[in-house]
Amino acid sequence: MKIHALVFVLLFACMYLSLAQGSYGNCCLGYVSEIKRKRNILGYTMQEPDGDCNIRAVLFTMKRRAKPVCANPDEKWVIDEMKRINRASKN
């Protein structure tokens, strides 16, 4: 009986630790080098390296694409697209 209880506690502890690590499903883990059809960009959000996400990234929302496209916020083309989107949203 004690062995069954010990196995149950160990199994529960392993499940708890695996769930506590978080999910990377909503985080960018890498960058694209380029977006060919920039006219399909609708907007963007920023990902900061806190919590579950490990890198700083720009998440571009695209037409006809469910998942955002991750880009390096330090690259010139990304900065230019962010400026373009900001100008367009002001008008």
C-alpha atoms as a PDB file:
ATOM      1  CA  MET A   1       0.000   0.000   0.000  1.00  0.00           C
ATOM      2  CA  LYS A   2       2.832   2.402   0.860  1.00  0.00           C
ATOM      3  CA  ILE A   3       4.511   1.727  -2.489  1.00  0.00           C
ATOM      4  CA  HIS A   4       1.315   2.566  -4.378  1.00  0.00           C
ATOM      5  CA  ALA A   5       0.991   5.824  -2.468  1.00  0.00           C
ATOM      6  CA  LEU A   6       4.635   6.682  -3.160  1.00  0.00           C
ATOM      7  CA  VAL A   7       4.247   5.967  -6.881  1.00  0.00           C
ATOM      8  CA  PHE A   8       1.101   8.091  -6.974  1.00  0.00           C
ATOM      9  CA  VAL A   9       2.847  11.017  -5.224  1.00  0.00           C
ATOM     10  CA  LEU A  10       5.852  10.809  -7.566  1.00  0.00           C
ATOM     11  CA  LEU A  11       3.616  10.669 -10.617  1.00  0.00           C
ATOM     12  CA  PHE A  12       1.636  13.676  -9.398  1.00  0.00           C
ATOM     13  CA  ALA A  13       4.858  15.619  -8.688  1.00  0.00           C
ATOM     14  CA  CYS A  14       6.190  14.916 -12.195  1.00  0.00           C
ATOM     15  CA  MET A  15       2.939  16.038 -13.795  1.00  0.00           C
ATOM     16  CA  TYR A  16       2.867  19.205 -11.698  1.00  0.00           C
ATOM     17  CA  LEU A  17       6.444  20.140 -12.605  1.00  0.00           C
ATOM     18  CA  SER A  18       5.857  19.570 -16.309  1.00  0.00           C
ATOM     19  CA  LEU A  19       2.775  21.809 -16.263  1.00  0.00           C
ATOM     20  CA  ALA A  20       4.516  24.474 -14.174  1.00  0.00           C
ATOM     21  CA  GLN A  21       7.214  24.983 -16.823  1.00  0.00           C
ATOM     22  CA  GLY A  22       4.809  26.884 -19.041  1.00  0.00           C
ATOM     23  CA  SER A  23       3.947  26.665 -22.684  1.00  0.00           C
ATOM     24  CA  TYR A  24       5.884  28.158 -25.584  1.00  0.00           C
ATOM     25  CA  GLY A  25       2.878  27.941 -27.890  1.00  0.00           C
ATOM     26  CA  ASN A  26       2.360  31.709 -27.854  1.00  0.00           C
ATOM     27  CA  CYS A  27       6.025  32.712 -27.881  1.00  0.00           C
ATOM     28  CA  CYS A  28       8.444  33.425 -30.692  1.00  0.00           C
ATOM     29  CA  LEU A  29      11.423  31.119 -30.522  1.00  0.00           C
ATOM     30  CA  GLY A  30      13.113  32.475 -33.647  1.00  0.00           C
ATOM     31  CA  TYR A  31      12.857  35.127 -36.353  1.00  0.00           C
ATOM     32  CA  VAL A  32      12.006  35.232 -40.034  1.00  0.00           C
ATOM     33  CA  SER A  33      14.635  36.911 -42.175  1.00  0.00           C
ATOM     34  CA  GLU A  34      12.111  38.677 -44.416  1.00  0.00           C
ATOM     35  CA  ILE A  35       8.424  39.017 -45.226  1.00  0.00           C
ATOM     36  CA  LYS A  36       7.949  39.011 -48.979  1.00  0.00           C
ATOM     37  CA  ARG A  37       4.450  40.520 -49.050  1.00  0.00           C
ATOM     38  CA  LYS A  38       4.688  43.390 -46.614  1.00  0.00           C
ATOM     39  CA  ARG A  39       1.369  44.769 -47.846  1.00  0.00           C
ATOM     40  CA  ASN A  40      -0.314  41.834 -46.056  1.00  0.00           C
ATOM     41  CA  ILE A  41       0.837  43.080 -42.637  1.00  0.00           C
ATOM     42  CA  LEU A  42      -2.137  44.320 -40.621  1.00  0.00           C
ATOM     43  CA  GLY A  43      -0.441  45.259 -37.361  1.00  0.00           C
ATOM     44  CA  TYR A  44       2.083  44.214 -34.779  1.00  0.00           C
ATOM     45  CA  THR A  45       2.650  43.552 -31.094  1.00  0.00           C
ATOM     46  CA  MET A  46       5.836  43.340 -29.071  1.00  0.00           C
ATOM     47  CA  GLN A  47       7.037  40.279 -27.178  1.00  0.00           C
ATOM     48  CA  GLU A  48       9.330  41.004 -24.261  1.00  0.00           C
ATOM     49  CA  PRO A  49      11.609  38.380 -22.687  1.00  0.00           C
ATOM     50  CA  ASP A  50       9.684  37.743 -19.485  1.00  0.00           C
ATOM     51  CA  GLY A  51       7.759  34.812 -18.112  1.00  0.00           C
ATOM     52  CA  ASP A  52       7.610  32.005 -20.664  1.00  0.00           C
ATOM     53  CA  CYS A  53       9.070  33.896 -23.640  1.00  0.00           C
ATOM     54  CA  ASN A  54      12.854  34.029 -23.911  1.00  0.00           C
ATOM     55  CA  ILE A  55      13.499  36.511 -26.732  1.00  0.00           C
ATOM     56  CA  ARG A  56      12.412  40.017 -27.650  1.00  0.00           C
ATOM     57  CA  ALA A  57      10.421  39.972 -30.884  1.00  0.00           C
ATOM     58  CA  VAL A  58       7.903  41.797 -33.050  1.00  0.00           C
ATOM     59  CA  LEU A  59       4.838  39.703 -33.867  1.00  0.00           C
ATOM     60  CA  PHE A  60       3.357  40.830 -37.173  1.00  0.00           C
ATOM     61  CA  THR A  61      -0.331  40.069 -37.707  1.00  0.00           C
ATOM     62  CA  MET A  62      -0.898  39.020 -41.312  1.00  0.00           C
ATOM     63  CA  LYS A  63      -3.899  38.743 -43.620  1.00  0.00           C
ATOM     64  CA  ARG A  64      -5.035  35.133 -44.160  1.00  0.00           C
ATOM     65  CA  ARG A  65      -2.661  33.740 -41.533  1.00  0.00           C
ATOM     66  CA  ALA A  66      -3.767  32.553 -38.116  1.00  0.00           C
ATOM     67  CA  LYS A  67      -0.360  32.702 -36.403  1.00  0.00           C
ATOM     68  CA  PRO A  68       1.709  35.882 -36.226  1.00  0.00           C
ATOM     69  CA  VAL A  69       5.086  36.141 -37.946  1.00  0.00           C
ATOM     70  CA  CYS A  70       8.035  36.715 -35.610  1.00  0.00           C
ATOM     71  CA  ALA A  71      10.722  39.225 -36.557  1.00  0.00           C
ATOM     72  CA  ASN A  72      13.852  40.663 -34.972  1.00  0.00           C
ATOM     73  CA  PRO A  73      13.039  44.151 -33.591  1.00  0.00           C
ATOM     74  CA  ASP A  74      16.624  45.317 -34.235  1.00  0.00           C
ATOM     75  CA  GLU A  75      16.528  44.782 -38.012  1.00  0.00           C
ATOM     76  CA  LYS A  76      16.022  47.833 -40.233  1.00  0.00           C
ATOM     77  CA  TRP A  77      13.144  46.401 -42.289  1.00  0.00           C
ATOM     78  CA  VAL A  78      11.248  45.545 -39.094  1.00  0.00           C
ATOM     79  CA  ILE A  79      11.714  49.067 -37.703  1.00  0.00           C
ATOM     80  CA  ASP A  80      10.590  50.539 -41.048  1.00  0.00           C
ATOM     81  CA  GLU A  81       7.438  48.380 -41.074  1.00  0.00           C
ATOM     82  CA  MET A  82       6.609  49.333 -37.489  1.00  0.00           C
ATOM     83  CA  LYS A  83       6.964  53.029 -38.408  1.00  0.00           C
ATOM     84  CA  ARG A  84       4.759  52.537 -41.476  1.00  0.00           C
ATOM     85  CA  ILE A  85       2.060  50.813 -39.410  1.00  0.00           C
ATOM     86  CA  ASN A  86       2.226  53.553 -36.758  1.00  0.00           C
ATOM     87  CA  ARG A  87       1.845  56.284 -39.427  1.00  0.00           C
ATOM     88  CA  ALA A  88      -1.075  54.455 -41.014  1.00  0.00           C
ATOM     89  CA  SER A  89      -2.868  54.034 -37.688  1.00  0.00           C
ATOM     90  CA  LYS A  90      -2.580  57.786 -36.975  1.00  0.00           C
ATOM     91  CA  ASN A  91      -4.311  58.664 -40.256  1.00  0.00           C
END
